[in-house]
Amino acid sequence: MNLPENPEILLSVINTKLRDFYPSLDELCKSMDIEKEAIIEKLAKIDYAYQPEINQFI
């Protein structure tokens, strides 16, 4: 899957998928065949970090 390049849009897409379809970031990445670190790094640029206890980037 091609993910949005814009970090704000990526944030929205990833958090929606985590909320609606996946119990964890690991499951999302495995299912969508995407690199977890790439998402984490891109969202860190806009000061968001994954919070596993709530399964969202905040």
PDB file of N, CA and C in Angstrom:
ATOM      1  N   MET A   1       0.840  -1.182   0.000  1.00  0.00           N
ATOM      2  CA  MET A   1       0.000   0.000   0.000  1.00  0.00           C
ATOM      3  C   MET A   1       0.878   1.236   0.000  1.00  0.00           C
ATOM      4  N   ASN A   2       0.514   2.198  -0.802  1.00  0.00           N
ATOM      5  CA  ASN A   2       1.211   3.476  -0.801  1.00  0.00           C
ATOM      6  C   ASN A   2       0.619   4.350   0.292  1.00  0.00           C
ATOM      7  N   LEU A   3       1.477   4.757   1.206  1.00  0.00           N
ATOM      8  CA  LEU A   3       1.035   5.612   2.291  1.00  0.00           C
ATOM      9  C   LEU A   3       1.243   7.069   1.909  1.00  0.00           C
ATOM     10  N   PRO A   4       0.452   7.961   2.470  1.00  0.00           N
ATOM     11  CA  PRO A   4       0.609   9.380   2.172  1.00  0.00           C
ATOM     12  C   PRO A   4       1.993   9.884   2.584  1.00  0.00           C
ATOM     13  N   GLU A   5       2.562  10.773   1.786  1.00  0.00           N
ATOM     14  CA  GLU A   5       3.851  11.372   2.122  1.00  0.00           C
ATOM     15  C   GLU A   5       3.694  12.459   3.174  1.00  0.00           C
ATOM     16  N   ASN A   6       2.577  13.155   3.162  1.00  0.00           N
ATOM     17  CA  ASN A   6       2.320  14.222   4.117  1.00  0.00           C
ATOM     18  C   ASN A   6       2.158  13.615   5.505  1.00  0.00           C
ATOM     19  N   PRO A   7       2.984  14.022   6.483  1.00  0.00           N
ATOM     20  CA  PRO A   7       2.916  13.396   7.808  1.00  0.00           C
ATOM     21  C   PRO A   7       1.580  13.571   8.517  1.00  0.00           C
ATOM     22  N   GLU A   8       0.927  14.716   8.342  1.00  0.00           N
ATOM     23  CA  GLU A   8      -0.361  14.933   8.999  1.00  0.00           C
ATOM     24  C   GLU A   8      -1.435  14.001   8.447  1.00  0.00           C
ATOM     25  N   ILE A   9      -1.417  13.786   7.154  1.00  0.00           N
ATOM     26  CA  ILE A   9      -2.376  12.864   6.537  1.00  0.00           C
ATOM     27  C   ILE A   9      -2.026  11.428   6.923  1.00  0.00           C
ATOM     28  N   LEU A  10      -0.738  11.120   6.935  1.00  0.00           N
ATOM     29  CA  LEU A  10      -0.292   9.795   7.361  1.00  0.00           C
ATOM     30  C   LEU A  10      -0.764   9.506   8.785  1.00  0.00           C
ATOM     31  N   LEU A  11      -0.622  10.465   9.664  1.00  0.00           N
ATOM     32  CA  LEU A  11      -1.090  10.316  11.041  1.00  0.00           C
ATOM     33  C   LEU A  11      -2.560   9.933  11.081  1.00  0.00           C
ATOM     34  N   SER A  12      -3.368  10.635  10.341  1.00  0.00           N
ATOM     35  CA  SER A  12      -4.803  10.363  10.312  1.00  0.00           C
ATOM     36  C   SER A  12      -5.090   8.960   9.785  1.00  0.00           C
ATOM     37  N   VAL A  13      -4.440   8.585   8.708  1.00  0.00           N
ATOM     38  CA  VAL A  13      -4.655   7.259   8.106  1.00  0.00           C
ATOM     39  C   VAL A  13      -4.246   6.155   9.072  1.00  0.00           C
ATOM     40  N   ILE A  14      -3.058   6.287   9.646  1.00  0.00           N
ATOM     41  CA  ILE A  14      -2.549   5.242  10.548  1.00  0.00           C
ATOM     42  C   ILE A  14      -3.405   5.132  11.802  1.00  0.00           C
ATOM     43  N   ASN A  15      -3.740   6.251  12.434  1.00  0.00           N
ATOM     44  CA  ASN A  15      -4.553   6.187  13.649  1.00  0.00           C
ATOM     45  C   ASN A  15      -5.946   5.628  13.370  1.00  0.00           C
ATOM     46  N   THR A  16      -6.510   5.951  12.228  1.00  0.00           N
ATOM     47  CA  THR A  16      -7.820   5.398  11.871  1.00  0.00           C
ATOM     48  C   THR A  16      -7.731   3.886  11.701  1.00  0.00           C
ATOM     49  N   LYS A  17      -6.705   3.431  10.993  1.00  0.00           N
ATOM     50  CA  LYS A  17      -6.547   1.988  10.802  1.00  0.00           C
ATOM     51  C   LYS A  17      -6.292   1.275  12.131  1.00  0.00           C
ATOM     52  N   LEU A  18      -5.486   1.891  13.004  1.00  0.00           N
ATOM     53  CA  LEU A  18      -5.237   1.292  14.323  1.00  0.00           C
ATOM     54  C   LEU A  18      -6.528   1.217  15.124  1.00  0.00           C
ATOM     55  N   ARG A  19      -7.306   2.261  15.083  1.00  0.00           N
ATOM     56  CA  ARG A  19      -8.554   2.296  15.853  1.00  0.00           C
ATOM     57  C   ARG A  19      -9.566   1.281  15.321  1.00  0.00           C
ATOM     58  N   ASP A  20      -9.694   1.199  14.004  1.00  0.00           N
ATOM     59  CA  ASP A  20     -10.782   0.423  13.406  1.00  0.00           C
ATOM     60  C   ASP A  20     -10.439  -1.022  13.038  1.00  0.00           C
ATOM     61  N   PHE A  21      -9.154  -1.317  12.792  1.00  0.00           N
ATOM     62  CA  PHE A  21      -8.850  -2.623  12.217  1.00  0.00           C
ATOM     63  C   PHE A  21      -7.727  -3.423  12.877  1.00  0.00           C
ATOM     64  N   TYR A  22      -6.798  -2.769  13.564  1.00  0.00           N
ATOM     65  CA  TYR A  22      -5.609  -3.478  14.040  1.00  0.00           C
ATOM     66  C   TYR A  22      -5.408  -3.296  15.541  1.00  0.00           C
ATOM     67  N   PRO A  23      -5.067  -4.367  16.239  1.00  0.00           N
ATOM     68  CA  PRO A  23      -4.858  -4.281  17.689  1.00  0.00           C
ATOM     69  C   PRO A  23      -3.495  -3.707  18.082  1.00  0.00           C
ATOM     70  N   SER A  24      -2.595  -3.551  17.109  1.00  0.00           N
ATOM     71  CA  SER A  24      -1.270  -3.015  17.414  1.00  0.00           C
ATOM     72  C   SER A  24      -0.612  -2.490  16.142  1.00  0.00           C
ATOM     73  N   LEU A  25       0.404  -1.672  16.328  1.00  0.00           N
ATOM     74  CA  LEU A  25       1.175  -1.168  15.188  1.00  0.00           C
ATOM     75  C   LEU A  25       1.888  -2.315  14.485  1.00  0.00           C
ATOM     76  N   ASP A  26       2.373  -3.277  15.248  1.00  0.00           N
ATOM     77  CA  ASP A  26       3.036  -4.438  14.643  1.00  0.00           C
ATOM     78  C   ASP A  26       2.097  -5.182  13.710  1.00  0.00           C
ATOM     79  N   GLU A  27       0.864  -5.399  14.135  1.00  0.00           N
ATOM     80  CA  GLU A  27      -0.124  -6.095  13.297  1.00  0.00           C
ATOM     81  C   GLU A  27      -0.446  -5.300  12.035  1.00  0.00           C
ATOM     82  N   LEU A  28      -0.597  -3.990  12.179  1.00  0.00           N
ATOM     83  CA  LEU A  28      -0.872  -3.141  11.019  1.00  0.00           C
ATOM     84  C   LEU A  28       0.269  -3.257  10.010  1.00  0.00           C
ATOM     85  N   CYS A  29       1.493  -3.112  10.480  1.00  0.00           N
ATOM     86  CA  CYS A  29       2.655  -3.158   9.589  1.00  0.00           C
ATOM     87  C   CYS A  29       2.803  -4.518   8.911  1.00  0.00           C
ATOM     88  N   LYS A  30       2.593  -5.567   9.676  1.00  0.00           N
ATOM     89  CA  LYS A  30       2.691  -6.922   9.117  1.00  0.00           C
ATOM     90  C   LYS A  30       1.623  -7.131   8.043  1.00  0.00           C
ATOM     91  N   SER A  31       0.408  -6.752   8.339  1.00  0.00           N
ATOM     92  CA  SER A  31      -0.699  -6.952   7.419  1.00  0.00           C
ATOM     93  C   SER A  31      -0.554  -6.116   6.148  1.00  0.00           C
ATOM     94  N   MET A  32      -0.068  -4.885   6.297  1.00  0.00           N
ATOM     95  CA  MET A  32       0.035  -3.976   5.165  1.00  0.00           C
ATOM     96  C   MET A  32       1.403  -4.026   4.486  1.00  0.00           C
ATOM     97  N   ASP A  33       2.313  -4.875   5.023  1.00  0.00           N
ATOM     98  CA  ASP A  33       3.668  -5.016   4.487  1.00  0.00           C
ATOM     99  C   ASP A  33       4.373  -3.658   4.383  1.00  0.00           C
ATOM    100  N   ILE A  34       4.397  -2.955   5.516  1.00  0.00           N
ATOM    101  CA  ILE A  34       5.084  -1.673   5.580  1.00  0.00           C
ATOM    102  C   ILE A  34       6.071  -1.696   6.744  1.00  0.00           C
ATOM    103  N   GLU A  35       7.079  -0.844   6.666  1.00  0.00           N
ATOM    104  CA  GLU A  35       8.116  -0.812   7.689  1.00  0.00           C
ATOM    105  C   GLU A  35       7.694   0.038   8.876  1.00  0.00           C
ATOM    106  N   LYS A  36       7.681  -0.594  10.024  1.00  0.00           N
ATOM    107  CA  LYS A  36       7.270   0.070  11.258  1.00  0.00           C
ATOM    108  C   LYS A  36       8.153   1.287  11.541  1.00  0.00           C
ATOM    109  N   GLU A  37       9.450   1.122  11.418  1.00  0.00           N
ATOM    110  CA  GLU A  37      10.373   2.218  11.732  1.00  0.00           C
ATOM    111  C   GLU A  37      10.164   3.421  10.810  1.00  0.00           C
ATOM    112  N   ALA A  38       9.796   3.175   9.573  1.00  0.00           N
ATOM    113  CA  ALA A  38       9.559   4.288   8.645  1.00  0.00           C
ATOM    114  C   ALA A  38       8.375   5.135   9.111  1.00  0.00           C
ATOM    115  N   ILE A  39       7.329   4.483   9.580  1.00  0.00           N
ATOM    116  CA  ILE A  39       6.159   5.212  10.091  1.00  0.00           C
ATOM    117  C   ILE A  39       6.535   5.970  11.363  1.00  0.00           C
ATOM    118  N   ILE A  40       7.220   5.301  12.268  1.00  0.00           N
ATOM    119  CA  ILE A  40       7.608   5.924  13.531  1.00  0.00           C
ATOM    120  C   ILE A  40       8.485   7.153  13.273  1.00  0.00           C
ATOM    121  N   GLU A  41       9.452   7.026  12.378  1.00  0.00           N
ATOM    122  CA  GLU A  41      10.347   8.142  12.078  1.00  0.00           C
ATOM    123  C   GLU A  41       9.608   9.306  11.429  1.00  0.00           C
ATOM    124  N   LYS A  42       8.741   9.006  10.488  1.00  0.00           N
ATOM    125  CA  LYS A  42       8.017  10.075   9.798  1.00  0.00           C
ATOM    126  C   LYS A  42       7.098  10.827  10.762  1.00  0.00           C
ATOM    127  N   LEU A  43       6.417  10.113  11.637  1.00  0.00           N
ATOM    128  CA  LEU A  43       5.513  10.776  12.569  1.00  0.00           C
ATOM    129  C   LEU A  43       6.264  11.460  13.714  1.00  0.00           C
ATOM    130  N   ALA A  44       7.463  10.999  14.010  1.00  0.00           N
ATOM    131  CA  ALA A  44       8.286  11.672  15.021  1.00  0.00           C
ATOM    132  C   ALA A  44       8.681  13.076  14.546  1.00  0.00           C
ATOM    133  N   LYS A  45       8.772  13.262  13.248  1.00  0.00           N
ATOM    134  CA  LYS A  45       9.118  14.578  12.697  1.00  0.00           C
ATOM    135  C   LYS A  45       8.058  15.631  13.019  1.00  0.00           C
ATOM    136  N   ILE A  46       6.840  15.194  13.283  1.00  0.00           N
ATOM    137  CA  ILE A  46       5.787  16.143  13.672  1.00  0.00           C
ATOM    138  C   ILE A  46       5.411  15.929  15.145  1.00  0.00           C
ATOM    139  N   ASP A  47       6.363  15.378  15.880  1.00  0.00           N
ATOM    140  CA  ASP A  47       6.249  15.213  17.337  1.00  0.00           C
ATOM    141  C   ASP A  47       5.143  14.266  17.794  1.00  0.00           C
ATOM    142  N   TYR A  48       4.942  13.195  17.040  1.00  0.00           N
ATOM    143  CA  TYR A  48       3.996  12.155  17.445  1.00  0.00           C
ATOM    144  C   TYR A  48       4.761  10.871  17.713  1.00  0.00           C
ATOM    145  N   ALA A  49       4.332  10.150  18.733  1.00  0.00           N
ATOM    146  CA  ALA A  49       4.952   8.874  19.086  1.00  0.00           C
ATOM    147  C   ALA A  49       3.860   7.846  19.324  1.00  0.00           C
ATOM    148  N   TYR A  50       4.170   6.603  19.001  1.00  0.00           N
ATOM    149  CA  TYR A  50       3.212   5.522  19.202  1.00  0.00           C
ATOM    150  C   TYR A  50       3.079   5.200  20.677  1.00  0.00           C
ATOM    151  N   GLN A  51       1.845   5.095  21.132  1.00  0.00           N
ATOM    152  CA  GLN A  51       1.528   4.742  22.515  1.00  0.00           C
ATOM    153  C   GLN A  51       0.804   3.392  22.502  1.00  0.00           C
ATOM    154  N   PRO A  52       1.517   2.296  22.753  1.00  0.00           N
ATOM    155  CA  PRO A  52       0.906   0.973  22.654  1.00  0.00           C
ATOM    156  C   PRO A  52      -0.267   0.753  23.600  1.00  0.00           C
ATOM    157  N   GLU A  53      -0.246   1.403  24.760  1.00  0.00           N
ATOM    158  CA  GLU A  53      -1.342   1.191  25.720  1.00  0.00           C
ATOM    159  C   GLU A  53      -2.686   1.700  25.213  1.00  0.00           C
ATOM    160  N   ILE A  54      -2.648   2.659  24.291  1.00  0.00           N
ATOM    161  CA  ILE A  54      -3.905   3.135  23.693  1.00  0.00           C
ATOM    162  C   ILE A  54      -3.960   2.858  22.186  1.00  0.00           C
ATOM    163  N   ASN A  55      -2.895   2.253  21.650  1.00  0.00           N
ATOM    164  CA  ASN A  55      -2.827   1.858  20.243  1.00  0.00           C
ATOM    165  C   ASN A  55      -3.069   3.057  19.306  1.00  0.00           C
ATOM    166  N   GLN A  56      -2.396   4.156  19.586  1.00  0.00           N
ATOM    167  CA  GLN A  56      -2.524   5.371  18.774  1.00  0.00           C
ATOM    168  C   GLN A  56      -1.215   6.141  18.808  1.00  0.00           C
ATOM    169  N   PHE A  57      -1.020   6.973  17.794  1.00  0.00           N
ATOM    170  CA  PHE A  57       0.066   7.945  17.809  1.00  0.00           C
ATOM    171  C   PHE A  57      -0.488   9.218  18.431  1.00  0.00           C
ATOM    172  N   ILE A  58       0.224   9.713  19.453  1.00  0.00           N
ATOM    173  CA  ILE A  58      -0.202  10.981  20.074  1.00  0.00           C
ATOM    174  C   ILE A  58       1.018  11.867  20.272  1.00  0.00           C
TER     175      ILE A  58
END
